[in-house]
Amino acid sequence: MNGSGEADSRLEMLTVFLDGNARDLSRNASTSDATELRKRLLEQAAGLDKLCQSRTLGEFTPMLEMELGYRYAQLALLDEKENPASAGEYMTKAEQIFCSLGWRDCSRARLRTATEHRLAHLKRFSDKGGEQ
């Protein structure tokens, strides 16, 4: 397969993975079952981490890393009241990821705002049936 074909194939795989996860997150963002949401986020984080470590998606790896950072930030927001120690660990992981991606402001406040904004966008997108 030529270089362009490989990139197209990797992009298609990435798009399918992220689209499915975005749909899951938008549905779960409105659900009150924190245990199920935590389980899904942990599964998604594990899958994203595995893809990031494998580097099989080449130039798309930073997008995967950003998605992984958002999963950790969302886990931190989910756990902050019931398990502050766990929330702190997740937010530290998110900070490390976003700083490695070159974000100028990787503060917890900024990551909280960015994550909440993203979840609201995913919910609006999902409520419209995938239309922008």
C-alpha atoms as a PDB file:
ATOM      1  CA  MET A   1       0.000   0.000   0.000  1.00  0.00           C
ATOM      2  CA  ASN A   2       1.379   3.413  -0.857  1.00  0.00           C
ATOM      3  CA  GLY A   3       1.907   6.169   1.710  1.00  0.00           C
ATOM      4  CA  SER A   4      -1.291   7.997   0.811  1.00  0.00           C
ATOM      5  CA  GLY A   5      -3.373   4.819   0.984  1.00  0.00           C
ATOM      6  CA  GLU A   6      -1.946   3.982   4.405  1.00  0.00           C
ATOM      7  CA  ALA A   7      -2.736   7.477   5.691  1.00  0.00           C
ATOM      8  CA  ASP A   8      -6.290   7.241   4.323  1.00  0.00           C
ATOM      9  CA  SER A   9      -6.775   3.853   5.965  1.00  0.00           C
ATOM     10  CA  ARG A  10      -5.446   5.133   9.313  1.00  0.00           C
ATOM     11  CA  LEU A  11      -7.647   8.221   9.100  1.00  0.00           C
ATOM     12  CA  GLU A  12     -10.731   6.093   8.395  1.00  0.00           C
ATOM     13  CA  MET A  13      -9.934   3.830  11.364  1.00  0.00           C
ATOM     14  CA  LEU A  14      -9.412   6.860  13.607  1.00  0.00           C
ATOM     15  CA  THR A  15     -12.636   8.514  12.438  1.00  0.00           C
ATOM     16  CA  VAL A  16     -14.703   5.392  13.139  1.00  0.00           C
ATOM     17  CA  PHE A  17     -13.123   5.004  16.587  1.00  0.00           C
ATOM     18  CA  LEU A  18     -13.590   8.635  17.603  1.00  0.00           C
ATOM     19  CA  ASP A  19     -17.096   8.917  16.141  1.00  0.00           C
ATOM     20  CA  GLY A  20     -18.262   5.884  18.099  1.00  0.00           C
ATOM     21  CA  ASN A  21     -16.700   7.166  21.298  1.00  0.00           C
ATOM     22  CA  ALA A  22     -18.159  10.660  20.804  1.00  0.00           C
ATOM     23  CA  ARG A  23     -21.624   9.157  20.439  1.00  0.00           C
ATOM     24  CA  ASP A  24     -21.086   7.095  23.605  1.00  0.00           C
ATOM     25  CA  LEU A  25     -19.904  10.149  25.519  1.00  0.00           C
ATOM     26  CA  SER A  26     -22.788  12.335  24.402  1.00  0.00           C
ATOM     27  CA  ARG A  27     -25.286   9.690  25.481  1.00  0.00           C
ATOM     28  CA  ASN A  28     -23.466   9.091  28.747  1.00  0.00           C
ATOM     29  CA  ALA A  29     -23.065  12.804  29.443  1.00  0.00           C
ATOM     30  CA  SER A  30     -26.797  12.981  30.068  1.00  0.00           C
ATOM     31  CA  THR A  31     -27.039   9.757  32.050  1.00  0.00           C
ATOM     32  CA  SER A  32     -27.100   9.653  35.824  1.00  0.00           C
ATOM     33  CA  ASP A  33     -25.447   6.236  36.081  1.00  0.00           C
ATOM     34  CA  ALA A  34     -21.961   7.295  37.143  1.00  0.00           C
ATOM     35  CA  THR A  35     -20.755   3.714  37.529  1.00  0.00           C
ATOM     36  CA  GLU A  36     -21.577   2.828  33.934  1.00  0.00           C
ATOM     37  CA  LEU A  37     -20.115   6.092  32.655  1.00  0.00           C
ATOM     38  CA  ARG A  38     -16.897   5.541  34.629  1.00  0.00           C
ATOM     39  CA  LYS A  39     -16.639   2.016  33.218  1.00  0.00           C
ATOM     40  CA  ARG A  40     -17.080   3.259  29.626  1.00  0.00           C
ATOM     41  CA  LEU A  41     -14.577   6.077  30.106  1.00  0.00           C
ATOM     42  CA  LEU A  42     -11.996   3.691  31.566  1.00  0.00           C
ATOM     43  CA  GLU A  43     -12.500   1.283  28.647  1.00  0.00           C
ATOM     44  CA  GLN A  44     -12.141   4.121  26.161  1.00  0.00           C
ATOM     45  CA  ALA A  45      -9.054   5.467  27.935  1.00  0.00           C
ATOM     46  CA  ALA A  46      -7.447   2.021  27.855  1.00  0.00           C
ATOM     47  CA  GLY A  47      -8.167   1.673  24.131  1.00  0.00           C
ATOM     48  CA  LEU A  48      -6.886   5.150  23.355  1.00  0.00           C
ATOM     49  CA  ASP A  49      -3.770   4.622  25.450  1.00  0.00           C
ATOM     50  CA  LYS A  50      -3.035   1.376  23.625  1.00  0.00           C
ATOM     51  CA  LEU A  51      -3.404   3.098  20.243  1.00  0.00           C
ATOM     52  CA  CYS A  52      -1.214   6.010  21.363  1.00  0.00           C
ATOM     53  CA  GLN A  53       1.504   3.660  22.597  1.00  0.00           C
ATOM     54  CA  SER A  54       1.473   1.638  19.378  1.00  0.00           C
ATOM     55  CA  ARG A  55       2.006   4.756  17.230  1.00  0.00           C
ATOM     56  CA  THR A  56       0.249   2.914  14.382  1.00  0.00           C
ATOM     57  CA  LEU A  57      -1.681   6.035  13.420  1.00  0.00           C
ATOM     58  CA  GLY A  58       1.398   8.153  12.826  1.00  0.00           C
ATOM     59  CA  GLU A  59       0.440  11.786  12.349  1.00  0.00           C
ATOM     60  CA  PHE A  60      -2.968  11.159  13.944  1.00  0.00           C
ATOM     61  CA  THR A  61      -1.441  10.156  17.290  1.00  0.00           C
ATOM     62  CA  PRO A  62      -1.721  13.703  18.745  1.00  0.00           C
ATOM     63  CA  MET A  63      -5.480  13.612  18.106  1.00  0.00           C
ATOM     64  CA  LEU A  64      -5.695  10.330  19.988  1.00  0.00           C
ATOM     65  CA  GLU A  65      -3.621  11.764  22.812  1.00  0.00           C
ATOM     66  CA  MET A  66      -5.986  14.737  23.035  1.00  0.00           C
ATOM     67  CA  GLU A  67      -8.961  12.366  23.221  1.00  0.00           C
ATOM     68  CA  LEU A  68      -7.180  10.413  25.944  1.00  0.00           C
ATOM     69  CA  GLY A  69      -6.573  13.634  27.874  1.00  0.00           C
ATOM     70  CA  TYR A  70     -10.265  14.482  27.638  1.00  0.00           C
ATOM     71  CA  ARG A  71     -11.208  11.027  28.945  1.00  0.00           C
ATOM     72  CA  TYR A  72      -8.964  11.521  31.980  1.00  0.00           C
ATOM     73  CA  ALA A  73     -10.334  15.019  32.566  1.00  0.00           C
ATOM     74  CA  GLN A  74     -13.887  13.702  32.376  1.00  0.00           C
ATOM     75  CA  LEU A  75     -13.032  10.907  34.812  1.00  0.00           C
ATOM     76  CA  ALA A  76     -11.614  13.554  37.159  1.00  0.00           C
ATOM     77  CA  LEU A  77     -14.825  15.589  36.983  1.00  0.00           C
ATOM     78  CA  LEU A  78     -16.883  12.464  37.577  1.00  0.00           C
ATOM     79  CA  ASP A  79     -14.862  11.386  40.621  1.00  0.00           C
ATOM     80  CA  GLU A  80     -14.161  14.745  42.278  1.00  0.00           C
ATOM     81  CA  LYS A  81     -16.923  14.534  44.903  1.00  0.00           C
ATOM     82  CA  GLU A  82     -16.881  10.820  45.734  1.00  0.00           C
ATOM     83  CA  ASN A  83     -13.198  10.048  45.265  1.00  0.00           C
ATOM     84  CA  PRO A  84     -11.010  13.180  45.304  1.00  0.00           C
ATOM     85  CA  ALA A  85      -7.744  11.206  45.338  1.00  0.00           C
ATOM     86  CA  SER A  86      -8.702   9.353  42.171  1.00  0.00           C
ATOM     87  CA  ALA A  87      -9.936  12.591  40.596  1.00  0.00           C
ATOM     88  CA  GLY A  88      -6.579  14.212  41.324  1.00  0.00           C
ATOM     89  CA  GLU A  89      -4.714  11.346  39.661  1.00  0.00           C
ATOM     90  CA  TYR A  90      -6.892  11.541  36.552  1.00  0.00           C
ATOM     91  CA  MET A  91      -6.529  15.307  36.306  1.00  0.00           C
ATOM     92  CA  THR A  92      -2.744  15.013  36.691  1.00  0.00           C
ATOM     93  CA  LYS A  93      -2.701  12.570  33.763  1.00  0.00           C
ATOM     94  CA  ALA A  94      -4.838  14.958  31.719  1.00  0.00           C
ATOM     95  CA  GLU A  95      -2.534  17.885  32.554  1.00  0.00           C
ATOM     96  CA  GLN A  96       0.530  15.896  31.497  1.00  0.00           C
ATOM     97  CA  ILE A  97      -1.053  14.910  28.203  1.00  0.00           C
ATOM     98  CA  PHE A  98      -2.266  18.391  27.289  1.00  0.00           C
ATOM     99  CA  CYS A  99       1.062  19.968  28.269  1.00  0.00           C
ATOM    100  CA  SER A 100       2.889  17.417  26.085  1.00  0.00           C
ATOM    101  CA  LEU A 101       0.603  18.466  23.217  1.00  0.00           C
ATOM    102  CA  GLY A 102       1.729  22.077  23.594  1.00  0.00           C
ATOM    103  CA  TRP A 103      -1.242  23.639  25.354  1.00  0.00           C
ATOM    104  CA  ARG A 104      -0.113  26.879  26.962  1.00  0.00           C
ATOM    105  CA  ASP A 105      -2.620  26.668  29.805  1.00  0.00           C
ATOM    106  CA  CYS A 106      -2.853  23.164  31.258  1.00  0.00           C
ATOM    107  CA  SER A 107      -4.274  24.294  34.579  1.00  0.00           C
ATOM    108  CA  ARG A 108      -7.021  22.270  36.189  1.00  0.00           C
ATOM    109  CA  ALA A 109      -9.425  25.177  35.815  1.00  0.00           C
ATOM    110  CA  ARG A 110      -8.726  25.409  32.071  1.00  0.00           C
ATOM    111  CA  LEU A 111      -9.043  21.649  31.575  1.00  0.00           C
ATOM    112  CA  ARG A 112     -12.323  21.648  33.508  1.00  0.00           C
ATOM    113  CA  THR A 113     -13.716  24.441  31.318  1.00  0.00           C
ATOM    114  CA  ALA A 114     -12.528  22.810  28.087  1.00  0.00           C
ATOM    115  CA  THR A 115     -13.962  19.423  29.088  1.00  0.00           C
ATOM    116  CA  GLU A 116     -17.313  20.852  30.157  1.00  0.00           C
ATOM    117  CA  HIS A 117     -17.525  22.849  26.910  1.00  0.00           C
ATOM    118  CA  ARG A 118     -16.685  19.768  24.855  1.00  0.00           C
ATOM    119  CA  LEU A 119     -19.281  17.625  26.624  1.00  0.00           C
ATOM    120  CA  ALA A 120     -21.934  20.295  26.074  1.00  0.00           C
ATOM    121  CA  HIS A 121     -21.021  20.392  22.369  1.00  0.00           C
ATOM    122  CA  LEU A 122     -21.213  16.598  22.082  1.00  0.00           C
ATOM    123  CA  LYS A 123     -24.607  16.611  23.760  1.00  0.00           C
ATOM    124  CA  ARG A 124     -25.946  19.310  21.405  1.00  0.00           C
ATOM    125  CA  PHE A 125     -24.553  17.384  18.432  1.00  0.00           C
ATOM    126  CA  SER A 126     -26.146  14.157  19.655  1.00  0.00           C
ATOM    127  CA  ASP A 127     -29.487  15.873  20.383  1.00  0.00           C
ATOM    128  CA  LYS A 128     -29.583  17.084  16.775  1.00  0.00           C
ATOM    129  CA  GLY A 129     -29.065  13.542  15.500  1.00  0.00           C
ATOM    130  CA  GLY A 130     -25.497  14.168  14.368  1.00  0.00           C
ATOM    131  CA  GLU A 131     -26.222  17.325  12.392  1.00  0.00           C
ATOM    132  CA  GLN A 132     -24.076  20.377  12.957  1.00  0.00           C
END
